[in-house]
Amino acid sequence: MKLFISIYLAAFVMLPVWGSETKPTIEIVKHSSSAWRFRRVNTYTRDEGILVKGRMTASHRYGLRRGHIDIAAYAPGGELITETTTTYTPRFLTYRAKRKGGVRFSTTLSKELPPNSTIKIAFHSKKPYSKQNPTHDKTIAY
């Protein structure tokens, strides 16, 4: 019983030390017309940098378009520290992936971030190609 109490007290004393790690603020940049949303976005400190990972989902199966995710880190004053892009896997929002919370994405920011920094995350879809009529009468295919 004394061992249990000593472990409990040690954990209680060490808890503020473990919780003192300042994580950057995460800000999701979302367009008003988008049917997708980010979920469970979090940051983790690793030896090689800051790992940013999360999930992206939509309200219906075809809500996710092809594209990429932009991740940028800003200092407390608003200066850009670093930026990167990443893709999400799998490329298609299957029923199973949607049930688990969406498709996964992750990337590592190699630069060290100062306290109270902000990480902004945005999704950019590839624009669908529109068919265009040729501007002249005769083409090579004619």
C-alpha atoms as a PDB file:
ATOM      1  CA  MET A   1       0.000   0.000   0.000  1.00  0.00           C
ATOM      2  CA  LYS A   2       2.867   2.383   0.770  1.00  0.00           C
ATOM      3  CA  LEU A   3       4.303   1.708  -2.697  1.00  0.00           C
ATOM      4  CA  PHE A   4       0.995   2.627  -4.319  1.00  0.00           C
ATOM      5  CA  ILE A   5       0.742   5.861  -2.333  1.00  0.00           C
ATOM      6  CA  SER A   6       4.338   6.846  -3.150  1.00  0.00           C
ATOM      7  CA  ILE A   7       3.790   6.214  -6.881  1.00  0.00           C
ATOM      8  CA  TYR A   8       0.585   8.248  -6.764  1.00  0.00           C
ATOM      9  CA  LEU A   9       2.262  11.158  -4.990  1.00  0.00           C
ATOM     10  CA  ALA A  10       5.248  11.092  -7.384  1.00  0.00           C
ATOM     11  CA  ALA A  11       2.905  11.172 -10.356  1.00  0.00           C
ATOM     12  CA  PHE A  12       0.915  14.005  -8.784  1.00  0.00           C
ATOM     13  CA  VAL A  13       4.079  16.048  -8.239  1.00  0.00           C
ATOM     14  CA  MET A  14       5.407  15.368 -11.780  1.00  0.00           C
ATOM     15  CA  LEU A  15       2.109  16.178 -13.524  1.00  0.00           C
ATOM     16  CA  PRO A  16       2.751  19.965 -13.755  1.00  0.00           C
ATOM     17  CA  VAL A  17       6.192  19.278 -15.264  1.00  0.00           C
ATOM     18  CA  TRP A  18       4.695  17.045 -17.978  1.00  0.00           C
ATOM     19  CA  GLY A  19       1.909  19.548 -18.674  1.00  0.00           C
ATOM     20  CA  SER A  20       4.222  22.559 -18.887  1.00  0.00           C
ATOM     21  CA  GLU A  21       5.150  21.822 -22.519  1.00  0.00           C
ATOM     22  CA  THR A  22       3.648  24.650 -24.535  1.00  0.00           C
ATOM     23  CA  LYS A  23       1.995  23.429 -27.684  1.00  0.00           C
ATOM     24  CA  PRO A  24       1.418  25.759 -30.606  1.00  0.00           C
ATOM     25  CA  THR A  25      -2.096  26.967 -31.284  1.00  0.00           C
ATOM     26  CA  ILE A  26      -3.751  25.230 -34.235  1.00  0.00           C
ATOM     27  CA  GLU A  27      -5.919  27.315 -36.550  1.00  0.00           C
ATOM     28  CA  ILE A  28      -7.996  25.754 -39.332  1.00  0.00           C
ATOM     29  CA  VAL A  29      -8.488  27.944 -42.406  1.00  0.00           C
ATOM     30  CA  LYS A  30     -11.777  26.886 -43.979  1.00  0.00           C
ATOM     31  CA  HIS A  31     -13.592  28.163 -47.013  1.00  0.00           C
ATOM     32  CA  SER A  32     -17.296  28.751 -46.448  1.00  0.00           C
ATOM     33  CA  SER A  33     -18.371  26.702 -49.489  1.00  0.00           C
ATOM     34  CA  SER A  34     -16.429  23.560 -48.527  1.00  0.00           C
ATOM     35  CA  ALA A  35     -18.140  20.337 -47.503  1.00  0.00           C
ATOM     36  CA  TRP A  36     -15.029  18.994 -45.742  1.00  0.00           C
ATOM     37  CA  ARG A  37     -13.726  19.506 -42.212  1.00  0.00           C
ATOM     38  CA  PHE A  38     -10.607  18.717 -40.196  1.00  0.00           C
ATOM     39  CA  ARG A  39     -10.812  16.477 -37.136  1.00  0.00           C
ATOM     40  CA  ARG A  40      -8.423  15.428 -34.369  1.00  0.00           C
ATOM     41  CA  VAL A  41      -5.601  17.747 -35.460  1.00  0.00           C
ATOM     42  CA  ASN A  42      -2.761  17.694 -32.954  1.00  0.00           C
ATOM     43  CA  THR A  43       0.945  18.428 -32.638  1.00  0.00           C
ATOM     44  CA  TYR A  44       3.659  16.291 -31.090  1.00  0.00           C
ATOM     45  CA  THR A  45       7.250  17.222 -30.264  1.00  0.00           C
ATOM     46  CA  ARG A  46       9.762  14.785 -31.773  1.00  0.00           C
ATOM     47  CA  ASP A  47      13.546  14.757 -32.113  1.00  0.00           C
ATOM     48  CA  GLU A  48      13.330  15.739 -35.783  1.00  0.00           C
ATOM     49  CA  GLY A  49      10.812  18.546 -35.234  1.00  0.00           C
ATOM     50  CA  ILE A  50       7.099  19.133 -34.655  1.00  0.00           C
ATOM     51  CA  LEU A  51       4.810  16.394 -35.992  1.00  0.00           C
ATOM     52  CA  VAL A  52       1.430  17.702 -37.165  1.00  0.00           C
ATOM     53  CA  LYS A  53      -1.198  15.063 -37.824  1.00  0.00           C
ATOM     54  CA  GLY A  54      -4.920  14.736 -38.041  1.00  0.00           C
ATOM     55  CA  ARG A  55      -7.843  13.598 -40.138  1.00  0.00           C
ATOM     56  CA  MET A  56     -10.010  15.205 -42.774  1.00  0.00           C
ATOM     57  CA  THR A  57     -13.585  14.148 -43.463  1.00  0.00           C
ATOM     58  CA  ALA A  58     -16.699  15.259 -45.313  1.00  0.00           C
ATOM     59  CA  SER A  59     -20.419  14.972 -44.767  1.00  0.00           C
ATOM     60  CA  HIS A  60     -20.820  12.715 -47.788  1.00  0.00           C
ATOM     61  CA  ARG A  61     -18.596  10.226 -49.580  1.00  0.00           C
ATOM     62  CA  TYR A  62     -17.723  12.428 -52.550  1.00  0.00           C
ATOM     63  CA  GLY A  63     -17.064  15.556 -50.474  1.00  0.00           C
ATOM     64  CA  LEU A  64     -13.270  15.265 -50.577  1.00  0.00           C
ATOM     65  CA  ARG A  65     -11.705  16.437 -53.801  1.00  0.00           C
ATOM     66  CA  ARG A  66      -8.193  15.786 -54.994  1.00  0.00           C
ATOM     67  CA  GLY A  67      -5.788  18.293 -53.583  1.00  0.00           C
ATOM     68  CA  HIS A  68      -3.250  18.940 -50.865  1.00  0.00           C
ATOM     69  CA  ILE A  69      -3.061  20.311 -47.356  1.00  0.00           C
ATOM     70  CA  ASP A  70      -0.981  23.413 -46.622  1.00  0.00           C
ATOM     71  CA  ILE A  71       0.573  23.691 -43.174  1.00  0.00           C
ATOM     72  CA  ALA A  72       2.302  26.909 -42.089  1.00  0.00           C
ATOM     73  CA  ALA A  73       3.847  27.936 -38.770  1.00  0.00           C
ATOM     74  CA  TYR A  74       3.759  31.564 -37.630  1.00  0.00           C
ATOM     75  CA  ALA A  75       5.590  33.309 -34.794  1.00  0.00           C
ATOM     76  CA  PRO A  76       3.527  35.141 -32.142  1.00  0.00           C
ATOM     77  CA  GLY A  77       4.140  38.406 -34.040  1.00  0.00           C
ATOM     78  CA  GLY A  78       2.682  36.939 -37.256  1.00  0.00           C
ATOM     79  CA  GLU A  79       5.946  36.284 -39.158  1.00  0.00           C
ATOM     80  CA  LEU A  80       6.028  33.105 -41.236  1.00  0.00           C
ATOM     81  CA  ILE A  81       8.529  30.607 -39.790  1.00  0.00           C
ATOM     82  CA  THR A  82       8.071  27.630 -42.105  1.00  0.00           C
ATOM     83  CA  GLU A  83       5.510  26.140 -44.455  1.00  0.00           C
ATOM     84  CA  THR A  84       4.990  22.772 -46.096  1.00  0.00           C
ATOM     85  CA  THR A  85       2.373  20.775 -47.969  1.00  0.00           C
ATOM     86  CA  THR A  86       1.196  17.245 -47.475  1.00  0.00           C
ATOM     87  CA  THR A  87      -1.327  14.898 -49.018  1.00  0.00           C
ATOM     88  CA  TYR A  88      -3.970  12.791 -47.353  1.00  0.00           C
ATOM     89  CA  THR A  89      -4.272   9.018 -47.484  1.00  0.00           C
ATOM     90  CA  PRO A  90      -6.264   7.211 -48.758  1.00  0.00           C
ATOM     91  CA  ARG A  91      -7.261   9.395 -51.677  1.00  0.00           C
ATOM     92  CA  PHE A  92     -10.920   8.366 -51.453  1.00  0.00           C
ATOM     93  CA  LEU A  93     -13.217   8.738 -48.433  1.00  0.00           C
ATOM     94  CA  THR A  94     -14.377   5.149 -48.051  1.00  0.00           C
ATOM     95  CA  TYR A  95     -17.123   4.120 -45.669  1.00  0.00           C
ATOM     96  CA  ARG A  96     -14.548   2.531 -43.360  1.00  0.00           C
ATOM     97  CA  ALA A  97     -12.287   5.625 -43.383  1.00  0.00           C
ATOM     98  CA  LYS A  98     -15.266   7.891 -42.693  1.00  0.00           C
ATOM     99  CA  ARG A  99     -16.336   5.693 -39.797  1.00  0.00           C
ATOM    100  CA  LYS A 100     -12.827   5.939 -38.301  1.00  0.00           C
ATOM    101  CA  GLY A 101     -12.889   9.743 -38.479  1.00  0.00           C
ATOM    102  CA  GLY A 102     -11.706  10.511 -42.014  1.00  0.00           C
ATOM    103  CA  VAL A 103      -8.588  10.246 -44.139  1.00  0.00           C
ATOM    104  CA  ARG A 104      -5.226  10.750 -42.423  1.00  0.00           C
ATOM    105  CA  PHE A 105      -2.575  13.381 -43.014  1.00  0.00           C
ATOM    106  CA  SER A 106       0.710  14.110 -41.276  1.00  0.00           C
ATOM    107  CA  THR A 107       3.896  16.083 -41.763  1.00  0.00           C
ATOM    108  CA  THR A 108       6.909  17.160 -39.749  1.00  0.00           C
ATOM    109  CA  LEU A 109       7.949  20.781 -39.355  1.00  0.00           C
ATOM    110  CA  SER A 110      11.730  20.664 -39.031  1.00  0.00           C
ATOM    111  CA  LYS A 111      12.219  24.130 -37.524  1.00  0.00           C
ATOM    112  CA  GLU A 112      11.860  24.754 -33.812  1.00  0.00           C
ATOM    113  CA  LEU A 113       8.838  26.880 -32.963  1.00  0.00           C
ATOM    114  CA  PRO A 114       8.882  29.602 -30.303  1.00  0.00           C
ATOM    115  CA  PRO A 115       6.309  29.505 -27.480  1.00  0.00           C
ATOM    116  CA  ASN A 116       2.822  30.811 -28.351  1.00  0.00           C
ATOM    117  CA  SER A 117       3.298  30.201 -32.077  1.00  0.00           C
ATOM    118  CA  THR A 118       0.393  29.364 -34.399  1.00  0.00           C
ATOM    119  CA  ILE A 119       0.074  26.574 -36.953  1.00  0.00           C
ATOM    120  CA  LYS A 120      -2.418  27.268 -39.743  1.00  0.00           C
ATOM    121  CA  ILE A 121      -3.849  24.391 -41.750  1.00  0.00           C
ATOM    122  CA  ALA A 122      -5.759  24.774 -45.026  1.00  0.00           C
ATOM    123  CA  PHE A 123      -6.983  22.423 -47.750  1.00  0.00           C
ATOM    124  CA  HIS A 124      -6.597  23.373 -51.403  1.00  0.00           C
ATOM    125  CA  SER A 125      -8.401  21.307 -53.992  1.00  0.00           C
ATOM    126  CA  LYS A 126      -7.261  20.852 -57.541  1.00  0.00           C
ATOM    127  CA  LYS A 127      -9.597  22.756 -59.777  1.00  0.00           C
ATOM    128  CA  PRO A 128     -11.499  20.543 -62.206  1.00  0.00           C
ATOM    129  CA  TYR A 129     -10.411  21.073 -65.762  1.00  0.00           C
ATOM    130  CA  SER A 130     -13.067  22.710 -67.916  1.00  0.00           C
ATOM    131  CA  LYS A 131     -13.443  21.859 -71.570  1.00  0.00           C
ATOM    132  CA  GLN A 132     -12.600  24.751 -73.809  1.00  0.00           C
ATOM    133  CA  ASN A 133     -13.610  25.300 -77.396  1.00  0.00           C
ATOM    134  CA  PRO A 134     -10.725  26.146 -79.709  1.00  0.00           C
ATOM    135  CA  THR A 135     -10.522  29.780 -80.705  1.00  0.00           C
ATOM    136  CA  HIS A 136      -9.831  29.002 -84.372  1.00  0.00           C
ATOM    137  CA  ASP A 137     -11.801  27.113 -87.062  1.00  0.00           C
ATOM    138  CA  LYS A 138      -9.272  24.477 -88.190  1.00  0.00           C
ATOM    139  CA  THR A 139      -7.153  22.478 -85.762  1.00  0.00           C
ATOM    140  CA  ILE A 140      -4.611  19.717 -86.290  1.00  0.00           C
ATOM    141  CA  ALA A 141      -7.248  17.181 -85.271  1.00  0.00           C
ATOM    142  CA  TYR A 142      -9.622  18.453 -87.956  1.00  0.00           C
END
